[in-house]
C-alpha atoms as a PDB file:
ATOM      1  CA  MET A   1     -20.760  96.432  75.124  1.00  0.00           C
ATOM      2  CA  GLN A   2     -24.260  97.473  74.308  1.00  0.00           C
ATOM      3  CA  TYR A   3     -25.091 101.133  73.642  1.00  0.00           C
ATOM      4  CA  LEU A   4     -28.442 102.563  74.561  1.00  0.00           C
ATOM      5  CA  GLU A   5     -30.178 104.251  71.720  1.00  0.00           C
ATOM      6  CA  MET A   6     -31.338 107.820  72.430  1.00  0.00           C
ATOM      7  CA  LYS A   7     -35.009 108.228  71.617  1.00  0.00           C
ATOM      8  CA  LYS A   8     -36.249 111.631  70.619  1.00  0.00           C
ATOM      9  CA  GLY A   9     -39.340 112.946  72.360  1.00  0.00           C
ATOM     10  CA  ARG A  10     -42.389 112.966  70.133  1.00  0.00           C
ATOM     11  CA  VAL A  11     -45.302 115.282  70.345  1.00  0.00           C
ATOM     12  CA  GLU A  12     -48.448 113.313  69.711  1.00  0.00           C
ATOM     13  CA  ILE A  13     -50.340 115.520  67.278  1.00  0.00           C
ATOM     14  CA  ILE A  14     -53.659 113.619  67.064  1.00  0.00           C
ATOM     15  CA  PRO A  15     -54.636 114.025  70.746  1.00  0.00           C
ATOM     16  CA  MET A  16     -53.570 117.664  70.582  1.00  0.00           C
ATOM     17  CA  ILE A  17     -55.831 118.233  67.554  1.00  0.00           C
ATOM     18  CA  ASP A  18     -58.710 116.533  69.398  1.00  0.00           C
ATOM     19  CA  ILE A  19     -58.287 118.824  72.388  1.00  0.00           C
ATOM     20  CA  MET A  20     -57.990 121.939  70.211  1.00  0.00           C
ATOM     21  CA  LEU A  21     -61.165 120.998  68.324  1.00  0.00           C
ATOM     22  CA  PHE A  22     -62.989 120.401  71.597  1.00  0.00           C
ATOM     23  CA  LEU A  23     -61.850 123.804  72.922  1.00  0.00           C
ATOM     24  CA  LEU A  24     -62.903 125.513  69.692  1.00  0.00           C
ATOM     25  CA  ILE A  25     -66.388 123.991  69.848  1.00  0.00           C
ATOM     26  CA  PHE A  26     -66.645 124.801  73.554  1.00  0.00           C
ATOM     27  CA  PHE A  27     -65.806 128.477  73.042  1.00  0.00           C
ATOM     28  CA  ILE A  28     -68.127 128.767  70.047  1.00  0.00           C
ATOM     29  CA  MET A  29     -71.018 127.354  72.092  1.00  0.00           C
ATOM     30  CA  ILE A  30     -70.250 129.653  75.038  1.00  0.00           C
ATOM     31  CA  THR A  31     -70.040 132.680  72.734  1.00  0.00           C
ATOM     32  CA  VAL A  32     -73.346 131.839  71.057  1.00  0.00           C
ATOM     33  CA  HIS A  33     -75.081 131.678  74.441  1.00  0.00           C
ATOM     34  CA  MET A  34     -73.523 134.987  75.520  1.00  0.00           C
ATOM     35  CA  ILE A  35     -74.914 136.915  72.551  1.00  0.00           C
ATOM     36  CA  PRO A  36     -78.318 138.233  73.587  1.00  0.00           C
ATOM     37  CA  SER A  37     -81.064 137.475  71.146  1.00  0.00           C
ATOM     38  CA  GLN A  38     -83.669 140.083  70.392  1.00  0.00           C
ATOM     39  CA  GLY A  39     -85.560 140.349  73.633  1.00  0.00           C
ATOM     40  CA  LEU A  40     -89.299 140.068  73.385  1.00  0.00           C
ATOM     41  CA  PRO A  41     -90.729 140.883  76.791  1.00  0.00           C
ATOM     42  CA  ALA A  42     -94.226 140.255  75.445  1.00  0.00           C
ATOM     43  CA  HIS A  43     -96.106 137.052  76.256  1.00  0.00           C
ATOM     44  CA  LEU A  44     -96.695 135.750  72.754  1.00  0.00           C
ATOM     45  CA  PRO A  45     -99.913 133.944  71.912  1.00  0.00           C
ATOM     46  CA  GLY A  46     -99.676 130.313  70.872  1.00  0.00           C
ATOM     47  CA  SER A  47    -100.377 128.922  67.433  1.00  0.00           C
ATOM     48  CA  SER A  48    -100.606 125.315  66.296  1.00  0.00           C
ATOM     49  CA  SER A  49     -99.559 126.295  62.758  1.00  0.00           C
ATOM     50  CA  SER A  50     -96.558 128.450  63.674  1.00  0.00           C
ATOM     51  CA  GLN A  51     -93.453 128.090  61.554  1.00  0.00           C
ATOM     52  CA  GLU A  52     -89.853 129.230  61.785  1.00  0.00           C
ATOM     53  CA  LEU A  53     -89.305 132.369  59.720  1.00  0.00           C
ATOM     54  CA  PRO A  54     -86.054 133.912  58.531  1.00  0.00           C
ATOM     55  CA  LYS A  55     -84.657 136.666  60.695  1.00  0.00           C
ATOM     56  CA  PRO A  56     -86.775 139.765  60.083  1.00  0.00           C
ATOM     57  CA  LYS A  57     -85.192 143.106  59.450  1.00  0.00           C
ATOM     58  CA  VAL A  58     -87.576 144.966  61.780  1.00  0.00           C
ATOM     59  CA  ILE A  59     -89.140 143.640  64.977  1.00  0.00           C
ATOM     60  CA  LEU A  60     -91.897 145.667  66.612  1.00  0.00           C
ATOM     61  CA  THR A  61     -93.114 144.836  70.106  1.00  0.00           C
ATOM     62  CA  LEU A  62     -96.685 145.755  71.014  1.00  0.00           C
ATOM     63  CA  HIS A  63     -97.229 145.586  74.768  1.00  0.00           C
ATOM     64  CA  ALA A  64    -100.491 144.803  76.571  1.00  0.00           C
ATOM     65  CA  ASP A  65    -100.902 148.471  77.535  1.00  0.00           C
ATOM     66  CA  GLY A  66    -100.795 149.482  73.845  1.00  0.00           C
ATOM     67  CA  SER A  67     -97.269 150.920  73.889  1.00  0.00           C
ATOM     68  CA  LEU A  68     -95.090 150.192  70.877  1.00  0.00           C
ATOM     69  CA  GLU A  69     -91.370 149.401  70.998  1.00  0.00           C
ATOM     70  CA  PHE A  70     -88.958 149.615  68.054  1.00  0.00           C
ATOM     71  CA  ARG A  71     -85.226 148.883  68.489  1.00  0.00           C
ATOM     72  CA  ASP A  72     -85.632 148.856  72.291  1.00  0.00           C
ATOM     73  CA  LYS A  73     -87.196 152.355  72.359  1.00  0.00           C
ATOM     74  CA  SER A  74     -90.792 153.406  72.840  1.00  0.00           C
ATOM     75  CA  ILE A  75     -92.163 154.927  69.661  1.00  0.00           C
ATOM     76  CA  THR A  76     -95.428 156.421  68.416  1.00  0.00           C
ATOM     77  CA  LEU A  77     -97.207 155.315  65.253  1.00  0.00           C
ATOM     78  CA  ALA A  78     -96.184 158.500  63.420  1.00  0.00           C
ATOM     79  CA  GLU A  79     -92.531 157.977  64.383  1.00  0.00           C
ATOM     80  CA  LEU A  80     -92.767 154.340  63.296  1.00  0.00           C
ATOM     81  CA  GLU A  81     -94.129 155.346  59.919  1.00  0.00           C
ATOM     82  CA  ALA A  82     -91.328 157.892  59.463  1.00  0.00           C
ATOM     83  CA  GLN A  83     -88.669 155.328  60.478  1.00  0.00           C
ATOM     84  CA  LEU A  84     -89.993 152.738  58.038  1.00  0.00           C
ATOM     85  CA  ARG A  85     -90.087 155.245  55.170  1.00  0.00           C
ATOM     86  CA  GLN A  86     -86.398 156.080  55.690  1.00  0.00           C
ATOM     87  CA  GLY A  87     -85.241 152.705  54.400  1.00  0.00           C
ATOM     88  CA  ASN A  88     -86.571 150.779  51.447  1.00  0.00           C
ATOM     89  CA  PRO A  89     -90.142 150.042  52.591  1.00  0.00           C
ATOM     90  CA  SER A  90     -90.953 147.667  49.736  1.00  0.00           C
ATOM     91  CA  GLU A  91     -88.000 145.431  50.745  1.00  0.00           C
ATOM     92  CA  THR A  92     -88.476 145.750  54.513  1.00  0.00           C
ATOM     93  CA  GLN A  93     -89.811 142.770  56.440  1.00  0.00           C
ATOM     94  CA  VAL A  94     -91.677 143.662  59.629  1.00  0.00           C
ATOM     95  CA  THR A  95     -92.530 141.190  62.385  1.00  0.00           C
ATOM     96  CA  ILE A  96     -94.931 142.352  65.079  1.00  0.00           C
ATOM     97  CA  ALA A  97     -94.569 140.627  68.441  1.00  0.00           C
ATOM     98  CA  ALA A  98     -97.849 141.548  70.084  1.00  0.00           C
ATOM     99  CA  ASP A  99     -98.515 140.622  73.696  1.00  0.00           C
ATOM    100  CA  LYS A 100    -101.458 138.234  73.952  1.00  0.00           C
ATOM    101  CA  GLY A 101    -103.141 140.803  76.199  1.00  0.00           C
ATOM    102  CA  ALA A 102    -102.747 143.566  73.601  1.00  0.00           C
ATOM    103  CA  ASP A 103    -105.847 145.128  72.079  1.00  0.00           C
ATOM    104  CA  ILE A 104    -106.629 143.963  68.539  1.00  0.00           C
ATOM    105  CA  GLN A 105    -107.382 147.545  67.532  1.00  0.00           C
ATOM    106  CA  ALA A 106    -103.857 148.591  68.584  1.00  0.00           C
ATOM    107  CA  LEU A 107    -102.429 145.744  66.487  1.00  0.00           C
ATOM    108  CA  VAL A 108    -104.468 146.833  63.465  1.00  0.00           C
ATOM    109  CA  LYS A 109    -103.244 150.433  63.909  1.00  0.00           C
ATOM    110  CA  VAL A 110     -99.624 149.234  63.908  1.00  0.00           C
ATOM    111  CA  MET A 111    -100.254 147.168  60.775  1.00  0.00           C
ATOM    112  CA  ASP A 112    -101.935 150.165  59.102  1.00  0.00           C
ATOM    113  CA  ALA A 113     -98.953 152.381  59.951  1.00  0.00           C
ATOM    114  CA  CYS A 114     -96.648 149.812  58.337  1.00  0.00           C
ATOM    115  CA  ARG A 115     -98.838 149.664  55.221  1.00  0.00           C
ATOM    116  CA  HIS A 116     -98.979 153.486  54.973  1.00  0.00           C
ATOM    117  CA  ALA A 117     -95.171 153.529  55.119  1.00  0.00           C
ATOM    118  CA  GLY A 118     -95.091 151.186  52.115  1.00  0.00           C
ATOM    119  CA  VAL A 119     -94.209 147.929  53.877  1.00  0.00           C
ATOM    120  CA  THR A 120     -95.892 144.913  52.299  1.00  0.00           C
ATOM    121  CA  ALA A 121     -94.218 142.058  54.213  1.00  0.00           C
ATOM    122  CA  ILE A 122     -95.802 142.092  57.682  1.00  0.00           C
ATOM    123  CA  GLY A 123     -95.781 139.061  59.954  1.00  0.00           C
ATOM    124  CA  LEU A 124     -96.986 138.256  63.458  1.00  0.00           C
ATOM    125  CA  ALA A 125     -94.787 136.493  66.003  1.00  0.00           C
ATOM    126  CA  ALA A 126     -96.225 133.521  67.870  1.00  0.00           C
ATOM    127  CA  LYS A 127     -94.744 130.721  69.899  1.00  0.00           C
ATOM    128  CA  PRO A 128     -95.600 127.093  69.163  1.00  0.00           C
ATOM    129  CA  VAL A 129     -98.286 125.537  71.347  1.00  0.00           C
ATOM    130  CA  SER A 130     -96.754 122.873  73.570  1.00  0.00           C
END
């Protein structure tokens, strides 16, 4: 008489690890796309020599009508200067995202306010020319 051997059920671990890794990557990608980046409603001018910069600590948005936005709030030049002086102005990096329709004089006034506050690292945002 022949006895049948009882086989234990096995959980295949390799396919399970593959699926878990796929789910992890999927949720990371979905989460990254859900996090809103700093919104720049300005239409940035193009530049053929633009380069990727590290994330700035302060982003200022200068609109075409001359209004200035700091941390999603409208702000005057005097308020901007006071805000920049509160931190460590010599270590603060400021990036100005000026609308391409913005007046150059308004841009210079914003840069002057940053300099008066003690900020030395001032950059201008531009998008690459396609």
